[in-house]
Amino acid sequence: MFIWDEMVHRRLATEPQKIAPIVNNGFKGIAKFVQKELKKVPVTEAYAVSYYNEVDPKDSFVDVSLVRCWPNDIHIADVEFSDNRKPAHAGRKVKSSSRRNYHGLRVWRLPRTAEGCCPGKGCRAHLSEWWRIKTSTQSSGGTASR
């Protein structure tokens, strides 16, 4: 989808909704579709690495996946940092569909509230509201940044 979005943004794909049947079908055939529309191979390299430690040698604590894709960008496909010293569900029953085994390393900390999202107005906003304010200001030509 990243490549398709970039194609739409650069006006190489003139019908943005043309991909809708692929999306609605669980992304089956997306690589062939994007390659046909782009008339180039969309992904030229892929790299993935996992790091393990002695705490739990069977589960990685860092996973990073990168791809080189059109138009010669390095795209971060996936990143996970886990603190495998701290099980996420210690002593609790969880759904079998829960994929999170450990708490994160807290590399990136986001505040629960964002103070100062509206300088000079003294407001406090919940993070989701702060994000909506920031992104809507950006799309309307404002100067706010994420």
C-alpha atoms as a PDB file:
ATOM      1  CA  MET A   1       0.000   0.000   0.000  1.00  0.00           C
ATOM      2  CA  PHE A   2       2.919   2.360   0.667  1.00  0.00           C
ATOM      3  CA  ILE A   3       3.986   2.143  -2.976  1.00  0.00           C
ATOM      4  CA  TRP A   4       0.423   2.597  -4.239  1.00  0.00           C
ATOM      5  CA  ASP A   5      -0.053   5.630  -1.995  1.00  0.00           C
ATOM      6  CA  GLU A   6       3.178   7.091  -3.332  1.00  0.00           C
ATOM      7  CA  MET A   7       2.043   6.441  -6.917  1.00  0.00           C
ATOM      8  CA  VAL A   8      -1.233   8.258  -6.215  1.00  0.00           C
ATOM      9  CA  HIS A   9       0.594  11.142  -4.532  1.00  0.00           C
ATOM     10  CA  ARG A  10       2.917  11.528  -7.540  1.00  0.00           C
ATOM     11  CA  ARG A  11      -0.068  11.254  -9.897  1.00  0.00           C
ATOM     12  CA  LEU A  12       1.214   8.092 -11.578  1.00  0.00           C
ATOM     13  CA  ALA A  13      -1.978   6.325 -10.543  1.00  0.00           C
ATOM     14  CA  THR A  14      -4.831   8.452 -11.823  1.00  0.00           C
ATOM     15  CA  GLU A  15      -7.579   6.240 -10.358  1.00  0.00           C
ATOM     16  CA  PRO A  16      -6.796   5.885  -6.632  1.00  0.00           C
ATOM     17  CA  GLN A  17      -9.746   3.545  -6.004  1.00  0.00           C
ATOM     18  CA  LYS A  18      -8.610   1.098  -8.681  1.00  0.00           C
ATOM     19  CA  ILE A  19      -6.877  -0.908  -5.955  1.00  0.00           C
ATOM     20  CA  ALA A  20     -10.095  -1.311  -3.928  1.00  0.00           C
ATOM     21  CA  PRO A  21     -10.902  -4.853  -5.178  1.00  0.00           C
ATOM     22  CA  ILE A  22      -7.409  -6.003  -4.156  1.00  0.00           C
ATOM     23  CA  VAL A  23      -7.789  -4.455  -0.691  1.00  0.00           C
ATOM     24  CA  ASN A  24     -11.282  -5.897  -0.267  1.00  0.00           C
ATOM     25  CA  ASN A  25      -9.924  -9.350  -1.164  1.00  0.00           C
ATOM     26  CA  GLY A  26      -7.353  -9.398   1.637  1.00  0.00           C
ATOM     27  CA  PHE A  27      -4.567  -7.897  -0.525  1.00  0.00           C
ATOM     28  CA  LYS A  28      -4.318 -11.039  -2.658  1.00  0.00           C
ATOM     29  CA  GLY A  29      -2.439 -10.209  -5.847  1.00  0.00           C
ATOM     30  CA  ILE A  30      -1.306  -6.766  -4.696  1.00  0.00           C
ATOM     31  CA  ALA A  31       2.321  -7.238  -5.838  1.00  0.00           C
ATOM     32  CA  LYS A  32       1.328  -8.172  -9.395  1.00  0.00           C
ATOM     33  CA  PHE A  33      -1.260  -5.381  -9.517  1.00  0.00           C
ATOM     34  CA  VAL A  34       1.169  -2.673  -8.378  1.00  0.00           C
ATOM     35  CA  GLN A  35       3.913  -3.945 -10.714  1.00  0.00           C
ATOM     36  CA  LYS A  36       1.507  -3.866 -13.673  1.00  0.00           C
ATOM     37  CA  GLU A  37       0.339  -0.337 -12.870  1.00  0.00           C
ATOM     38  CA  LEU A  38       3.852   0.949 -12.121  1.00  0.00           C
ATOM     39  CA  LYS A  39       5.424  -0.883 -15.072  1.00  0.00           C
ATOM     40  CA  LYS A  40       8.437  -1.605 -12.825  1.00  0.00           C
ATOM     41  CA  VAL A  41       9.310  -4.018 -10.062  1.00  0.00           C
ATOM     42  CA  PRO A  42       8.019  -2.236  -6.937  1.00  0.00           C
ATOM     43  CA  VAL A  43      10.323  -3.924  -4.379  1.00  0.00           C
ATOM     44  CA  THR A  44      13.962  -4.470  -5.297  1.00  0.00           C
ATOM     45  CA  GLU A  45      15.426  -5.617  -1.953  1.00  0.00           C
ATOM     46  CA  ALA A  46      14.181  -6.824   1.404  1.00  0.00           C
ATOM     47  CA  TYR A  47      16.085  -7.085   4.667  1.00  0.00           C
ATOM     48  CA  ALA A  48      14.961  -8.495   7.995  1.00  0.00           C
ATOM     49  CA  VAL A  49      16.913  -9.022  11.163  1.00  0.00           C
ATOM     50  CA  SER A  50      16.064 -10.415  14.595  1.00  0.00           C
ATOM     51  CA  TYR A  51      18.131 -10.232  17.745  1.00  0.00           C
ATOM     52  CA  TYR A  52      18.018 -12.724  20.592  1.00  0.00           C
ATOM     53  CA  ASN A  53      19.409 -12.708  24.132  1.00  0.00           C
ATOM     54  CA  GLU A  54      19.902 -15.114  26.999  1.00  0.00           C
ATOM     55  CA  VAL A  55      16.688 -14.106  28.781  1.00  0.00           C
ATOM     56  CA  ASP A  56      14.539 -16.065  26.308  1.00  0.00           C
ATOM     57  CA  PRO A  57      16.719 -17.449  23.497  1.00  0.00           C
ATOM     58  CA  LYS A  58      13.717 -18.769  21.522  1.00  0.00           C
ATOM     59  CA  ASP A  59      11.971 -15.372  21.214  1.00  0.00           C
ATOM     60  CA  SER A  60      13.619 -12.372  19.636  1.00  0.00           C
ATOM     61  CA  PHE A  61      13.586  -9.081  21.493  1.00  0.00           C
ATOM     62  CA  VAL A  62      14.216  -6.922  18.391  1.00  0.00           C
ATOM     63  CA  ASP A  63      12.779  -7.446  14.904  1.00  0.00           C
ATOM     64  CA  VAL A  64      13.334  -5.008  12.046  1.00  0.00           C
ATOM     65  CA  SER A  65      12.163  -5.387   8.442  1.00  0.00           C
ATOM     66  CA  LEU A  66      13.181  -2.959   5.699  1.00  0.00           C
ATOM     67  CA  VAL A  67      12.475  -2.902   1.960  1.00  0.00           C
ATOM     68  CA  ARG A  68      13.985  -0.903  -0.862  1.00  0.00           C
ATOM     69  CA  CYS A  69      11.054   0.037  -2.999  1.00  0.00           C
ATOM     70  CA  TRP A  70       9.978   2.380  -5.715  1.00  0.00           C
ATOM     71  CA  PRO A  71      11.053   5.203  -6.107  1.00  0.00           C
ATOM     72  CA  ASN A  72      14.332   4.047  -4.492  1.00  0.00           C
ATOM     73  CA  ASP A  73      13.100   4.539  -0.931  1.00  0.00           C
ATOM     74  CA  ILE A  74      14.022   2.554   2.141  1.00  0.00           C
ATOM     75  CA  HIS A  75      10.687   1.720   3.757  1.00  0.00           C
ATOM     76  CA  ILE A  76      10.480   0.516   7.356  1.00  0.00           C
ATOM     77  CA  ALA A  77       8.043  -2.354   6.992  1.00  0.00           C
ATOM     78  CA  ASP A  78       8.053  -3.496  10.616  1.00  0.00           C
ATOM     79  CA  VAL A  79       9.849  -2.781  13.886  1.00  0.00           C
ATOM     80  CA  GLU A  80       9.326  -4.461  17.240  1.00  0.00           C
ATOM     81  CA  PHE A  81      11.240  -3.961  20.459  1.00  0.00           C
ATOM     82  CA  SER A  82      10.287  -6.248  23.356  1.00  0.00           C
ATOM     83  CA  ASP A  83      11.531  -6.407  26.911  1.00  0.00           C
ATOM     84  CA  ASN A  84      11.579 -10.168  27.295  1.00  0.00           C
ATOM     85  CA  ARG A  85      12.258  -9.821  31.014  1.00  0.00           C
ATOM     86  CA  LYS A  86       8.658  -8.573  31.427  1.00  0.00           C
ATOM     87  CA  PRO A  87       5.917 -10.923  30.204  1.00  0.00           C
ATOM     88  CA  ALA A  88       2.823  -9.001  29.098  1.00  0.00           C
ATOM     89  CA  HIS A  89       0.396 -11.513  30.560  1.00  0.00           C
ATOM     90  CA  ALA A  90       2.107 -12.672  33.745  1.00  0.00           C
ATOM     91  CA  GLY A  91      -0.422 -14.530  35.873  1.00  0.00           C
ATOM     92  CA  ARG A  92      -3.395 -13.672  33.609  1.00  0.00           C
ATOM     93  CA  LYS A  93      -5.405 -15.707  31.156  1.00  0.00           C
ATOM     94  CA  VAL A  94      -5.394 -14.164  27.680  1.00  0.00           C
ATOM     95  CA  LYS A  95      -7.017 -14.937  24.363  1.00  0.00           C
ATOM     96  CA  SER A  96      -5.020 -17.332  22.238  1.00  0.00           C
ATOM     97  CA  SER A  97      -5.085 -14.682  19.491  1.00  0.00           C
ATOM     98  CA  SER A  98      -3.017 -12.301  21.604  1.00  0.00           C
ATOM     99  CA  ARG A  99       0.338 -11.937  19.867  1.00  0.00           C
ATOM    100  CA  ARG A 100       2.018  -9.721  22.379  1.00  0.00           C
ATOM    101  CA  ASN A 101       4.168 -11.844  24.670  1.00  0.00           C
ATOM    102  CA  TYR A 102       6.245  -9.111  26.329  1.00  0.00           C
ATOM    103  CA  HIS A 103       6.046  -5.474  27.251  1.00  0.00           C
ATOM    104  CA  GLY A 104       7.886  -3.106  24.952  1.00  0.00           C
ATOM    105  CA  LEU A 105      11.286  -1.571  25.603  1.00  0.00           C
ATOM    106  CA  ARG A 106       9.645   1.873  25.780  1.00  0.00           C
ATOM    107  CA  VAL A 107      11.972   3.236  23.121  1.00  0.00           C
ATOM    108  CA  TRP A 108       9.360   5.751  21.999  1.00  0.00           C
ATOM    109  CA  ARG A 109       7.223   7.230  24.736  1.00  0.00           C
ATOM    110  CA  LEU A 110       4.036   9.030  23.815  1.00  0.00           C
ATOM    111  CA  PRO A 111       2.278  11.108  26.429  1.00  0.00           C
ATOM    112  CA  ARG A 112      -1.252  10.226  27.537  1.00  0.00           C
ATOM    113  CA  THR A 113      -2.087  13.894  27.163  1.00  0.00           C
ATOM    114  CA  ALA A 114      -0.412  16.509  25.056  1.00  0.00           C
ATOM    115  CA  GLU A 115       0.054  19.790  26.821  1.00  0.00           C
ATOM    116  CA  GLY A 116       0.711  22.802  24.696  1.00  0.00           C
ATOM    117  CA  CYS A 117      -0.976  21.462  21.566  1.00  0.00           C
ATOM    118  CA  CYS A 118      -2.593  24.882  21.216  1.00  0.00           C
ATOM    119  CA  PRO A 119       0.077  27.371  22.379  1.00  0.00           C
ATOM    120  CA  GLY A 120      -1.330  30.271  24.348  1.00  0.00           C
ATOM    121  CA  LYS A 121      -4.698  28.603  24.969  1.00  0.00           C
ATOM    122  CA  GLY A 122      -3.645  26.488  27.957  1.00  0.00           C
ATOM    123  CA  CYS A 123      -5.463  23.369  26.789  1.00  0.00           C
ATOM    124  CA  ARG A 124      -4.860  19.727  27.612  1.00  0.00           C
ATOM    125  CA  ALA A 125      -5.944  17.207  25.026  1.00  0.00           C
ATOM    126  CA  HIS A 126      -6.014  13.436  24.971  1.00  0.00           C
ATOM    127  CA  LEU A 127      -3.341  12.057  22.647  1.00  0.00           C
ATOM    128  CA  SER A 128      -5.827  10.990  19.950  1.00  0.00           C
ATOM    129  CA  GLU A 129      -7.313  14.493  19.921  1.00  0.00           C
ATOM    130  CA  TRP A 130      -3.809  15.993  19.825  1.00  0.00           C
ATOM    131  CA  TRP A 131      -2.935  13.804  16.824  1.00  0.00           C
ATOM    132  CA  ARG A 132      -6.155  14.812  15.042  1.00  0.00           C
ATOM    133  CA  ILE A 133      -5.410  18.502  15.685  1.00  0.00           C
ATOM    134  CA  LYS A 134      -1.830  18.174  14.452  1.00  0.00           C
ATOM    135  CA  THR A 135      -2.670  16.229  11.309  1.00  0.00           C
ATOM    136  CA  SER A 136      -5.664  18.394  10.371  1.00  0.00           C
ATOM    137  CA  THR A 137      -3.506  21.512  10.797  1.00  0.00           C
ATOM    138  CA  GLN A 138      -0.905  19.978   8.477  1.00  0.00           C
ATOM    139  CA  SER A 139      -3.399  19.051   5.788  1.00  0.00           C
ATOM    140  CA  SER A 140      -4.925  22.525   5.868  1.00  0.00           C
ATOM    141  CA  GLY A 141      -1.574  24.131   5.129  1.00  0.00           C
ATOM    142  CA  GLY A 142      -0.746  25.041   8.733  1.00  0.00           C
ATOM    143  CA  THR A 143       2.710  24.937  10.229  1.00  0.00           C
ATOM    144  CA  ALA A 144       2.183  22.302  12.920  1.00  0.00           C
ATOM    145  CA  SER A 145       4.335  19.177  12.830  1.00  0.00           C
ATOM    146  CA  ARG A 146       3.918  15.684  14.242  1.00  0.00           C
END
